[in-house]
Amino acid sequence: MPEILSGVYVNNYTKRYQPPFDEFEMDSCMIPIGHTLEFPSIQGPSIVIVLEGNGDLLEIHNKDETYSMSLQSGDVFFVPAETHFQLTASSKGNTDFHCYRAGINSRVL
């Protein structure tokens, strides 16, 4: 039988699922409207899938360079290694911002 993971909260908005192998881990993020969640840079790349809600992405490459864009349900984006970013749940919709982030398992890095 497959092992069903229950996940562990890493902050108020994020639950992390670490399977018993090193290829990846997944974060489930539920950000309330008007709140922001910081994602520190990690050594490997990751992919974020927006399941529900609207939000704004602010990607910070270094102190002088930033990139921002609006997000909505169904969007998928790639986050390069060593990239710090934040997501803010927008009030454009009437639901919290729910996304998943998959990246290299932190046990490996």
PDB file of N, CA and C in Angstrom:
ATOM      1  N   MET A   1       0.838  -1.188   0.000  1.00  0.00           N
ATOM      2  CA  MET A   1       0.000   0.000   0.000  1.00  0.00           C
ATOM      3  C   MET A   1       0.881   1.250   0.000  1.00  0.00           C
ATOM      4  N   PRO A   2       0.489   2.290  -0.716  1.00  0.00           N
ATOM      5  CA  PRO A   2       1.257   3.529  -0.680  1.00  0.00           C
ATOM      6  C   PRO A   2       1.133   4.196   0.685  1.00  0.00           C
ATOM      7  N   GLU A   3       2.187   4.887   1.065  1.00  0.00           N
ATOM      8  CA  GLU A   3       2.168   5.639   2.320  1.00  0.00           C
ATOM      9  C   GLU A   3       1.457   6.967   2.077  1.00  0.00           C
ATOM     10  N   ILE A   4       0.456   7.288   2.874  1.00  0.00           N
ATOM     11  CA  ILE A   4      -0.256   8.563   2.773  1.00  0.00           C
ATOM     12  C   ILE A   4       0.431   9.543   3.718  1.00  0.00           C
ATOM     13  N   LEU A   5       0.984  10.616   3.164  1.00  0.00           N
ATOM     14  CA  LEU A   5       1.707  11.603   3.964  1.00  0.00           C
ATOM     15  C   LEU A   5       0.733  12.603   4.570  1.00  0.00           C
ATOM     16  N   SER A   6       0.957  12.961   5.815  1.00  0.00           N
ATOM     17  CA  SER A   6       0.085  13.945   6.465  1.00  0.00           C
ATOM     18  C   SER A   6       0.681  15.346   6.429  1.00  0.00           C
ATOM     19  N   GLY A   7       1.961  15.484   6.166  1.00  0.00           N
ATOM     20  CA  GLY A   7       2.601  16.798   6.086  1.00  0.00           C
ATOM     21  C   GLY A   7       2.874  17.406   7.445  1.00  0.00           C
ATOM     22  N   VAL A   8       3.751  18.406   7.441  1.00  0.00           N
ATOM     23  CA  VAL A   8       4.155  19.116   8.652  1.00  0.00           C
ATOM     24  C   VAL A   8       4.099  20.609   8.362  1.00  0.00           C
ATOM     25  N   TYR A   9       3.494  21.378   9.253  1.00  0.00           N
ATOM     26  CA  TYR A   9       3.448  22.830   9.067  1.00  0.00           C
ATOM     27  C   TYR A   9       4.837  23.423   9.262  1.00  0.00           C
ATOM     28  N   VAL A  10       5.285  24.240   8.284  1.00  0.00           N
ATOM     29  CA  VAL A  10       6.569  24.940   8.385  1.00  0.00           C
ATOM     30  C   VAL A  10       6.369  26.416   8.714  1.00  0.00           C
ATOM     31  N   ASN A  11       5.147  26.913   8.549  1.00  0.00           N
ATOM     32  CA  ASN A  11       4.754  28.255   8.997  1.00  0.00           C
ATOM     33  C   ASN A  11       3.225  28.281   9.039  1.00  0.00           C
ATOM     34  N   ASN A  12       2.651  29.438   9.310  1.00  0.00           N
ATOM     35  CA  ASN A  12       1.189  29.526   9.454  1.00  0.00           C
ATOM     36  C   ASN A  12       0.412  29.163   8.202  1.00  0.00           C
ATOM     37  N   TYR A  13       1.030  29.300   7.026  1.00  0.00           N
ATOM     38  CA  TYR A  13       0.316  29.132   5.772  1.00  0.00           C
ATOM     39  C   TYR A  13       0.789  27.938   4.937  1.00  0.00           C
ATOM     40  N   THR A  14       1.849  27.253   5.374  1.00  0.00           N
ATOM     41  CA  THR A  14       2.474  26.234   4.533  1.00  0.00           C
ATOM     42  C   THR A  14       2.603  24.892   5.242  1.00  0.00           C
ATOM     43  N   LYS A  15       2.164  23.854   4.545  1.00  0.00           N
ATOM     44  CA  LYS A  15       2.328  22.490   5.026  1.00  0.00           C
ATOM     45  C   LYS A  15       3.247  21.761   4.047  1.00  0.00           C
ATOM     46  N   ARG A  16       4.314  21.136   4.559  1.00  0.00           N
ATOM     47  CA  ARG A  16       5.321  20.470   3.717  1.00  0.00           C
ATOM     48  C   ARG A  16       5.133  18.962   3.758  1.00  0.00           C
ATOM     49  N   TYR A  17       5.203  18.379   2.562  1.00  0.00           N
ATOM     50  CA  TYR A  17       5.117  16.941   2.397  1.00  0.00           C
ATOM     51  C   TYR A  17       6.456  16.444   1.867  1.00  0.00           C
ATOM     52  N   GLN A  18       7.134  15.590   2.633  1.00  0.00           N
ATOM     53  CA  GLN A  18       8.417  15.037   2.225  1.00  0.00           C
ATOM     54  C   GLN A  18       8.277  13.527   2.058  1.00  0.00           C
ATOM     55  N   PRO A  19       8.243  13.065   0.806  1.00  0.00           N
ATOM     56  CA  PRO A  19       8.148  11.626   0.583  1.00  0.00           C
ATOM     57  C   PRO A  19       9.456  10.943   1.019  1.00  0.00           C
ATOM     58  N   PRO A  20       9.435   9.622   1.177  1.00  0.00           N
ATOM     59  CA  PRO A  20      10.623   8.916   1.669  1.00  0.00           C
ATOM     60  C   PRO A  20      11.691   8.691   0.601  1.00  0.00           C
ATOM     61  N   PHE A  21      11.828   9.613  -0.329  1.00  0.00           N
ATOM     62  CA  PHE A  21      12.899   9.575  -1.326  1.00  0.00           C
ATOM     63  C   PHE A  21      13.349  11.003  -1.580  1.00  0.00           C
ATOM     64  N   ASP A  22      14.488  11.170  -2.263  1.00  0.00           N
ATOM     65  CA  ASP A  22      15.151  12.470  -2.337  1.00  0.00           C
ATOM     66  C   ASP A  22      14.778  13.339  -3.530  1.00  0.00           C
ATOM     67  N   GLU A  23      14.012  12.842  -4.494  1.00  0.00           N
ATOM     68  CA  GLU A  23      13.797  13.590  -5.735  1.00  0.00           C
ATOM     69  C   GLU A  23      13.061  14.916  -5.541  1.00  0.00           C
ATOM     70  N   PHE A  24      12.062  14.975  -4.664  1.00  0.00           N
ATOM     71  CA  PHE A  24      11.320  16.223  -4.504  1.00  0.00           C
ATOM     72  C   PHE A  24      10.600  16.254  -3.164  1.00  0.00           C
ATOM     73  N   GLU A  25      10.084  17.434  -2.838  1.00  0.00           N
ATOM     74  CA  GLU A  25       9.151  17.631  -1.730  1.00  0.00           C
ATOM     75  C   GLU A  25       8.104  18.611  -2.233  1.00  0.00           C
ATOM     76  N   MET A  26       6.976  18.683  -1.549  1.00  0.00           N
ATOM     77  CA  MET A  26       5.903  19.565  -1.996  1.00  0.00           C
ATOM     78  C   MET A  26       5.374  20.377  -0.817  1.00  0.00           C
ATOM     79  N   ASP A  27       5.179  21.667  -1.060  1.00  0.00           N
ATOM     80  CA  ASP A  27       4.557  22.556  -0.078  1.00  0.00           C
ATOM     81  C   ASP A  27       3.153  22.898  -0.547  1.00  0.00           C
ATOM     82  N   SER A  28       2.190  22.811   0.357  1.00  0.00           N
ATOM     83  CA  SER A  28       0.832  23.264   0.104  1.00  0.00           C
ATOM     84  C   SER A  28       0.658  24.576   0.850  1.00  0.00           C
ATOM     85  N   CYS A  29       0.363  25.650   0.131  1.00  0.00           N
ATOM     86  CA  CYS A  29       0.279  26.985   0.723  1.00  0.00           C
ATOM     87  C   CYS A  29      -1.144  27.528   0.596  1.00  0.00           C
ATOM     88  N   MET A  30      -1.684  27.987   1.707  1.00  0.00           N
ATOM     89  CA  MET A  30      -3.008  28.609   1.736  1.00  0.00           C
ATOM     90  C   MET A  30      -2.819  29.985   2.370  1.00  0.00           C
ATOM     91  N   ILE A  31      -2.830  31.024   1.525  1.00  0.00           N
ATOM     92  CA  ILE A  31      -2.544  32.385   1.986  1.00  0.00           C
ATOM     93  C   ILE A  31      -3.863  33.161   2.059  1.00  0.00           C
ATOM     94  N   PRO A  32      -4.226  33.661   3.243  1.00  0.00           N
ATOM     95  CA  PRO A  32      -5.464  34.435   3.366  1.00  0.00           C
ATOM     96  C   PRO A  32      -5.390  35.740   2.565  1.00  0.00           C
ATOM     97  N   ILE A  33      -6.522  36.217   2.095  1.00  0.00           N
ATOM     98  CA  ILE A  33      -6.593  37.465   1.330  1.00  0.00           C
ATOM     99  C   ILE A  33      -5.921  38.586   2.119  1.00  0.00           C
ATOM    100  N   GLY A  34      -5.042  39.321   1.430  1.00  0.00           N
ATOM    101  CA  GLY A  34      -4.342  40.448   2.035  1.00  0.00           C
ATOM    102  C   GLY A  34      -3.046  40.089   2.731  1.00  0.00           C
ATOM    103  N   HIS A  35      -2.725  38.820   2.847  1.00  0.00           N
ATOM    104  CA  HIS A  35      -1.494  38.398   3.513  1.00  0.00           C
ATOM    105  C   HIS A  35      -0.421  38.027   2.488  1.00  0.00           C
ATOM    106  N   THR A  36       0.826  38.062   2.935  1.00  0.00           N
ATOM    107  CA  THR A  36       1.974  37.759   2.085  1.00  0.00           C
ATOM    108  C   THR A  36       2.773  36.620   2.697  1.00  0.00           C
ATOM    109  N   LEU A  37       3.262  35.738   1.835  1.00  0.00           N
ATOM    110  CA  LEU A  37       4.113  34.639   2.263  1.00  0.00           C
ATOM    111  C   LEU A  37       5.456  34.757   1.572  1.00  0.00           C
ATOM    112  N   GLU A  38       6.532  34.756   2.359  1.00  0.00           N
ATOM    113  CA  GLU A  38       7.902  34.831   1.843  1.00  0.00           C
ATOM    114  C   GLU A  38       8.411  33.422   1.561  1.00  0.00           C
ATOM    115  N   PHE A  39       9.055  33.244   0.420  1.00  0.00           N
ATOM    116  CA  PHE A  39       9.703  31.989   0.062  1.00  0.00           C
ATOM    117  C   PHE A  39      11.200  32.267  -0.054  1.00  0.00           C
ATOM    118  N   PRO A  40      11.993  31.808   0.900  1.00  0.00           N
ATOM    119  CA  PRO A  40      13.432  32.041   0.815  1.00  0.00           C
ATOM    120  C   PRO A  40      14.024  31.297  -0.380  1.00  0.00           C
ATOM    121  N   SER A  41      15.157  31.748  -0.851  1.00  0.00           N
ATOM    122  CA  SER A  41      15.800  31.072  -1.971  1.00  0.00           C
ATOM    123  C   SER A  41      16.273  29.689  -1.529  1.00  0.00           C
ATOM    124  N   ILE A  42      16.217  28.745  -2.465  1.00  0.00           N
ATOM    125  CA  ILE A  42      16.730  27.405  -2.216  1.00  0.00           C
ATOM    126  C   ILE A  42      17.732  27.065  -3.313  1.00  0.00           C
ATOM    127  N   GLN A  43      18.522  26.040  -3.104  1.00  0.00           N
ATOM    128  CA  GLN A  43      19.607  25.713  -4.038  1.00  0.00           C
ATOM    129  C   GLN A  43      19.127  25.121  -5.358  1.00  0.00           C
ATOM    130  N   GLY A  44      17.919  24.567  -5.374  1.00  0.00           N
ATOM    131  CA  GLY A  44      17.416  23.958  -6.607  1.00  0.00           C
ATOM    132  C   GLY A  44      16.212  24.696  -7.158  1.00  0.00           C
ATOM    133  N   PRO A  45      15.824  24.365  -8.391  1.00  0.00           N
ATOM    134  CA  PRO A  45      14.644  24.984  -9.001  1.00  0.00           C
ATOM    135  C   PRO A  45      13.357  24.414  -8.407  1.00  0.00           C
ATOM    136  N   SER A  46      12.253  25.102  -8.639  1.00  0.00           N
ATOM    137  CA  SER A  46      10.950  24.604  -8.209  1.00  0.00           C
ATOM    138  C   SER A  46       9.872  25.069  -9.183  1.00  0.00           C
ATOM    139  N   ILE A  47       8.708  24.448  -9.060  1.00  0.00           N
ATOM    140  CA  ILE A  47       7.551  24.783  -9.881  1.00  0.00           C
ATOM    141  C   ILE A  47       6.397  25.083  -8.937  1.00  0.00           C
ATOM    142  N   VAL A  48       5.636  26.147  -9.244  1.00  0.00           N
ATOM    143  CA  VAL A  48       4.488  26.528  -8.433  1.00  0.00           C
ATOM    144  C   VAL A  48       3.234  26.432  -9.298  1.00  0.00           C
ATOM    145  N   ILE A  49       2.202  25.798  -8.756  1.00  0.00           N
ATOM    146  CA  ILE A  49       0.916  25.637  -9.428  1.00  0.00           C
ATOM    147  C   ILE A  49      -0.138  26.352  -8.595  1.00  0.00           C
ATOM    148  N   VAL A  50      -0.860  27.289  -9.202  1.00  0.00           N
ATOM    149  CA  VAL A  50      -1.912  28.026  -8.500  1.00  0.00           C
ATOM    150  C   VAL A  50      -3.229  27.276  -8.672  1.00  0.00           C
ATOM    151  N   LEU A  51      -3.801  26.838  -7.559  1.00  0.00           N
ATOM    152  CA  LEU A  51      -5.051  26.080  -7.611  1.00  0.00           C
ATOM    153  C   LEU A  51      -6.277  26.959  -7.501  1.00  0.00           C
ATOM    154  N   GLU A  52      -6.163  28.022  -6.701  1.00  0.00           N
ATOM    155  CA  GLU A  52      -7.358  28.797  -6.379  1.00  0.00           C
ATOM    156  C   GLU A  52      -6.957  30.204  -5.962  1.00  0.00           C
ATOM    157  N   GLY A  53      -7.775  31.176  -6.308  1.00  0.00           N
ATOM    158  CA  GLY A  53      -7.572  32.548  -5.872  1.00  0.00           C
ATOM    159  C   GLY A  53      -6.749  33.370  -6.839  1.00  0.00           C
ATOM    160  N   ASN A  54      -6.528  34.620  -6.444  1.00  0.00           N
ATOM    161  CA  ASN A  54      -5.720  35.569  -7.206  1.00  0.00           C
ATOM    162  C   ASN A  54      -4.616  36.079  -6.303  1.00  0.00           C
ATOM    163  N   GLY A  55      -3.492  36.435  -6.914  1.00  0.00           N
ATOM    164  CA  GLY A  55      -2.386  36.932  -6.103  1.00  0.00           C
ATOM    165  C   GLY A  55      -1.364  37.667  -6.935  1.00  0.00           C
ATOM    166  N   ASP A  56      -0.366  38.150  -6.248  1.00  0.00           N
ATOM    167  CA  ASP A  56       0.733  38.868  -6.884  1.00  0.00           C
ATOM    168  C   ASP A  56       2.039  38.215  -6.484  1.00  0.00           C
ATOM    169  N   LEU A  57       2.901  38.026  -7.485  1.00  0.00           N
ATOM    170  CA  LEU A  57       4.225  37.452  -7.293  1.00  0.00           C
ATOM    171  C   LEU A  57       5.246  38.566  -7.346  1.00  0.00           C
ATOM    172  N   LEU A  58       6.164  38.580  -6.397  1.00  0.00           N
ATOM    173  CA  LEU A  58       7.309  39.474  -6.428  1.00  0.00           C
ATOM    174  C   LEU A  58       8.531  38.591  -6.316  1.00  0.00           C
ATOM    175  N   GLU A  59       9.324  38.561  -7.382  1.00  0.00           N
ATOM    176  CA  GLU A  59      10.523  37.734  -7.444  1.00  0.00           C
ATOM    177  C   GLU A  59      11.726  38.643  -7.250  1.00  0.00           C
ATOM    178  N   ILE A  60      12.609  38.270  -6.344  1.00  0.00           N
ATOM    179  CA  ILE A  60      13.742  39.116  -5.999  1.00  0.00           C
ATOM    180  C   ILE A  60      15.030  38.370  -6.342  1.00  0.00           C
ATOM    181  N   HIS A  61      15.744  38.849  -7.384  1.00  0.00           N
ATOM    182  CA  HIS A  61      16.970  38.177  -7.816  1.00  0.00           C
ATOM    183  C   HIS A  61      18.186  38.674  -7.057  1.00  0.00           C
ATOM    184  N   ASN A  62      18.237  39.924  -6.795  1.00  0.00           N
ATOM    185  CA  ASN A  62      19.270  40.508  -5.940  1.00  0.00           C
ATOM    186  C   ASN A  62      18.721  41.837  -5.425  1.00  0.00           C
ATOM    187  N   LYS A  63      19.516  42.612  -4.733  1.00  0.00           N
ATOM    188  CA  LYS A  63      19.006  43.834  -4.104  1.00  0.00           C
ATOM    189  C   LYS A  63      18.455  44.848  -5.103  1.00  0.00           C
ATOM    190  N   ASP A  64      18.936  44.831  -6.346  1.00  0.00           N
ATOM    191  CA  ASP A  64      18.545  45.848  -7.315  1.00  0.00           C
ATOM    192  C   ASP A  64      17.566  45.367  -8.369  1.00  0.00           C
ATOM    193  N   GLU A  65      17.320  44.064  -8.458  1.00  0.00           N
ATOM    194  CA  GLU A  65      16.512  43.526  -9.553  1.00  0.00           C
ATOM    195  C   GLU A  65      15.308  42.771  -9.005  1.00  0.00           C
ATOM    196  N   THR A  66      14.120  43.176  -9.427  1.00  0.00           N
ATOM    197  CA  THR A  66      12.902  42.478  -9.024  1.00  0.00           C
ATOM    198  C   THR A  66      12.024  42.261 -10.248  1.00  0.00           C
ATOM    199  N   TYR A  67      11.096  41.334 -10.113  1.00  0.00           N
ATOM    200  CA  TYR A  67      10.149  41.028 -11.176  1.00  0.00           C
ATOM    201  C   TYR A  67       8.811  40.766 -10.504  1.00  0.00           C
ATOM    202  N   SER A  68       7.730  41.306 -11.061  1.00  0.00           N
ATOM    203  CA  SER A  68       6.424  41.070 -10.461  1.00  0.00           C
ATOM    204  C   SER A  68       5.409  40.725 -11.550  1.00  0.00           C
ATOM    205  N   MET A  69       4.379  39.994 -11.135  1.00  0.00           N
ATOM    206  CA  MET A  69       3.299  39.645 -12.048  1.00  0.00           C
ATOM    207  C   MET A  69       2.079  39.235 -11.245  1.00  0.00           C
ATOM    208  N   SER A  70       0.913  39.343 -11.869  1.00  0.00           N
ATOM    209  CA  SER A  70      -0.337  38.907 -11.240  1.00  0.00           C
ATOM    210  C   SER A  70      -0.571  37.446 -11.565  1.00  0.00           C
ATOM    211  N   LEU A  71      -1.175  36.737 -10.619  1.00  0.00           N
ATOM    212  CA  LEU A  71      -1.435  35.312 -10.776  1.00  0.00           C
ATOM    213  C   LEU A  71      -2.914  35.020 -10.551  1.00  0.00           C
ATOM    214  N   GLN A  72      -3.385  33.947 -11.153  1.00  0.00           N
ATOM    215  CA  GLN A  72      -4.764  33.511 -10.952  1.00  0.00           C
ATOM    216  C   GLN A  72      -4.818  31.993 -11.015  1.00  0.00           C
ATOM    217  N   SER A  73      -5.942  31.459 -10.644  1.00  0.00           N
ATOM    218  CA  SER A  73      -6.157  30.019 -10.653  1.00  0.00           C
ATOM    219  C   SER A  73      -5.790  29.425 -12.012  1.00  0.00           C
ATOM    220  N   GLY A  74      -5.016  28.338 -11.990  1.00  0.00           N
ATOM    221  CA  GLY A  74      -4.593  27.678 -13.216  1.00  0.00           C
ATOM    222  C   GLY A  74      -3.203  28.046 -13.675  1.00  0.00           C
ATOM    223  N   ASP A  75      -2.620  29.130 -13.150  1.00  0.00           N
ATOM    224  CA  ASP A  75      -1.276  29.529 -13.558  1.00  0.00           C
ATOM    225  C   ASP A  75      -0.234  28.555 -12.991  1.00  0.00           C
ATOM    226  N   VAL A  76       0.822  28.340 -13.767  1.00  0.00           N
ATOM    227  CA  VAL A  76       1.958  27.521 -13.364  1.00  0.00           C
ATOM    228  C   VAL A  76       3.200  28.319 -13.709  1.00  0.00           C
ATOM    229  N   PHE A  77       4.169  28.387 -12.780  1.00  0.00           N
ATOM    230  CA  PHE A  77       5.396  29.105 -13.107  1.00  0.00           C
ATOM    231  C   PHE A  77       6.606  28.411 -12.519  1.00  0.00           C
ATOM    232  N   PHE A  78       7.739  28.633 -13.176  1.00  0.00           N
ATOM    233  CA  PHE A  78       9.025  28.055 -12.813  1.00  0.00           C
ATOM    234  C   PHE A  78       9.802  29.058 -11.971  1.00  0.00           C
ATOM    235  N   VAL A  79      10.415  28.585 -10.899  1.00  0.00           N
ATOM    236  CA  VAL A  79      11.249  29.429 -10.052  1.00  0.00           C
ATOM    237  C   VAL A  79      12.681  28.901 -10.138  1.00  0.00           C
ATOM    238  N   PRO A  80      13.609  29.687 -10.690  1.00  0.00           N
ATOM    239  CA  PRO A  80      14.995  29.230 -10.783  1.00  0.00           C
ATOM    240  C   PRO A  80      15.624  29.037  -9.400  1.00  0.00           C
ATOM    241  N   ALA A  81      16.682  28.256  -9.366  1.00  0.00           N
ATOM    242  CA  ALA A  81      17.441  28.067  -8.134  1.00  0.00           C
ATOM    243  C   ALA A  81      17.942  29.418  -7.625  1.00  0.00           C
ATOM    244  N   GLU A  82      18.100  29.510  -6.311  1.00  0.00           N
ATOM    245  CA  GLU A  82      18.637  30.716  -5.668  1.00  0.00           C
ATOM    246  C   GLU A  82      17.770  31.952  -5.889  1.00  0.00           C
ATOM    247  N   THR A  83      16.456  31.776  -6.014  1.00  0.00           N
ATOM    248  CA  THR A  83      15.545  32.898  -6.230  1.00  0.00           C
ATOM    249  C   THR A  83      14.609  33.057  -5.040  1.00  0.00           C
ATOM    250  N   HIS A  84      14.662  34.209  -4.432  1.00  0.00           N
ATOM    251  CA  HIS A  84      13.777  34.554  -3.318  1.00  0.00           C
ATOM    252  C   HIS A  84      12.531  35.193  -3.915  1.00  0.00           C
ATOM    253  N   PHE A  85      11.345  34.795  -3.432  1.00  0.00           N
ATOM    254  CA  PHE A  85      10.130  35.427  -3.935  1.00  0.00           C
ATOM    255  C   PHE A  85       9.067  35.461  -2.848  1.00  0.00           C
ATOM    256  N   GLN A  86       8.051  36.261  -3.100  1.00  0.00           N
ATOM    257  CA  GLN A  86       6.923  36.325  -2.172  1.00  0.00           C
ATOM    258  C   GLN A  86       5.623  36.324  -2.959  1.00  0.00           C
ATOM    259  N   LEU A  87       4.587  35.770  -2.334  1.00  0.00           N
ATOM    260  CA  LEU A  87       3.249  35.744  -2.914  1.00  0.00           C
ATOM    261  C   LEU A  87       2.305  36.470  -1.980  1.00  0.00           C
ATOM    262  N   THR A  88       1.480  37.347  -2.542  1.00  0.00           N
ATOM    263  CA  THR A  88       0.483  38.079  -1.776  1.00  0.00           C
ATOM    264  C   THR A  88      -0.891  37.725  -2.318  1.00  0.00           C
ATOM    265  N   ALA A  89      -1.778  37.291  -1.429  1.00  0.00           N
ATOM    266  CA  ALA A  89      -3.144  36.967  -1.830  1.00  0.00           C
ATOM    267  C   ALA A  89      -3.905  38.256  -2.086  1.00  0.00           C
ATOM    268  N   SER A  90      -4.463  38.379  -3.269  1.00  0.00           N
ATOM    269  CA  SER A  90      -5.146  39.593  -3.695  1.00  0.00           C
ATOM    270  C   SER A  90      -6.623  39.549  -3.317  1.00  0.00           C
ATOM    271  N   SER A  91      -7.192  40.727  -3.168  1.00  0.00           N
ATOM    272  CA  SER A  91      -8.625  40.821  -2.863  1.00  0.00           C
ATOM    273  C   SER A  91      -9.471  40.842  -4.141  1.00  0.00           C
ATOM    274  N   LYS A  92      -8.843  40.597  -5.310  1.00  0.00           N
ATOM    275  CA  LYS A  92      -9.585  40.576  -6.575  1.00  0.00           C
ATOM    276  C   LYS A  92     -10.648  39.482  -6.567  1.00  0.00           C
ATOM    277  N   GLY A  93     -10.370  38.398  -5.888  1.00  0.00           N
ATOM    278  CA  GLY A  93     -11.331  37.296  -5.790  1.00  0.00           C
ATOM    279  C   GLY A  93     -11.898  37.262  -4.385  1.00  0.00           C
ATOM    280  N   ASN A  94     -12.740  36.311  -4.134  1.00  0.00           N
ATOM    281  CA  ASN A  94     -13.319  36.206  -2.797  1.00  0.00           C
ATOM    282  C   ASN A  94     -12.863  34.932  -2.096  1.00  0.00           C
ATOM    283  N   THR A  95     -11.693  34.433  -2.511  1.00  0.00           N
ATOM    284  CA  THR A  95     -11.166  33.211  -1.909  1.00  0.00           C
ATOM    285  C   THR A  95      -9.679  33.375  -1.596  1.00  0.00           C
ATOM    286  N   ASP A  96      -9.208  32.612  -0.621  1.00  0.00           N
ATOM    287  CA  ASP A  96      -7.785  32.624  -0.281  1.00  0.00           C
ATOM    288  C   ASP A  96      -6.967  32.129  -1.473  1.00  0.00           C
ATOM    289  N   PHE A  97      -5.672  32.424  -1.447  1.00  0.00           N
ATOM    290  CA  PHE A  97      -4.751  32.012  -2.508  1.00  0.00           C
ATOM    291  C   PHE A  97      -4.178  30.654  -2.134  1.00  0.00           C
ATOM    292  N   HIS A  98      -4.454  29.635  -2.945  1.00  0.00           N
ATOM    293  CA  HIS A  98      -3.997  28.280  -2.661  1.00  0.00           C
ATOM    294  C   HIS A  98      -3.082  27.830  -3.787  1.00  0.00           C
ATOM    295  N   CYS A  99      -1.852  27.429  -3.428  1.00  0.00           N
ATOM    296  CA  CYS A  99      -0.902  26.963  -4.430  1.00  0.00           C
ATOM    297  C   CYS A  99      -0.074  25.809  -3.875  1.00  0.00           C
ATOM    298  N   TYR A 100       0.565  25.092  -4.787  1.00  0.00           N
ATOM    299  CA  TYR A 100       1.522  24.049  -4.432  1.00  0.00           C
ATOM    300  C   TYR A 100       2.868  24.411  -5.032  1.00  0.00           C
ATOM    301  N   ARG A 101       3.921  24.154  -4.267  1.00  0.00           N
ATOM    302  CA  ARG A 101       5.283  24.352  -4.757  1.00  0.00           C
ATOM    303  C   ARG A 101       6.014  23.023  -4.651  1.00  0.00           C
ATOM    304  N   ALA A 102       6.572  22.548  -5.772  1.00  0.00           N
ATOM    305  CA  ALA A 102       7.358  21.318  -5.783  1.00  0.00           C
ATOM    306  C   ALA A 102       8.795  21.658  -6.124  1.00  0.00           C
ATOM    307  N   GLY A 103       9.711  21.117  -5.345  1.00  0.00           N
ATOM    308  CA  GLY A 103      11.126  21.361  -5.576  1.00  0.00           C
ATOM    309  C   GLY A 103      11.959  20.213  -5.030  1.00  0.00           C
ATOM    310  N   ILE A 104      13.254  20.328  -5.168  1.00  0.00           N
ATOM    311  CA  ILE A 104      14.173  19.307  -4.686  1.00  0.00           C
ATOM    312  C   ILE A 104      14.018  19.161  -3.181  1.00  0.00           C
ATOM    313  N   ASN A 105      14.011  17.939  -2.713  1.00  0.00           N
ATOM    314  CA  ASN A 105      13.851  17.660  -1.295  1.00  0.00           C
ATOM    315  C   ASN A 105      14.952  18.347  -0.495  1.00  0.00           C
ATOM    316  N   SER A 106      14.578  19.079   0.539  1.00  0.00           N
ATOM    317  CA  SER A 106      15.552  19.838   1.345  1.00  0.00           C
ATOM    318  C   SER A 106      16.521  18.914   2.079  1.00  0.00           C
ATOM    319  N   ARG A 107      16.205  17.629   2.218  1.00  0.00           N
ATOM    320  CA  ARG A 107      17.139  16.694   2.832  1.00  0.00           C
ATOM    321  C   ARG A 107      18.376  16.523   1.960  1.00  0.00           C
ATOM    322  N   VAL A 108      18.238  16.732   0.644  1.00  0.00           N
ATOM    323  CA  VAL A 108      19.342  16.541  -0.296  1.00  0.00           C
ATOM    324  C   VAL A 108      20.269  17.745  -0.298  1.00  0.00           C
ATOM    325  N   LEU A 109      19.698  18.926  -0.144  1.00  0.00           N
ATOM    326  CA  LEU A 109      20.482  20.163  -0.284  1.00  0.00           C
ATOM    327  C   LEU A 109      21.202  20.488   0.963  1.00  0.00           C
TER     328      LEU A 109
END
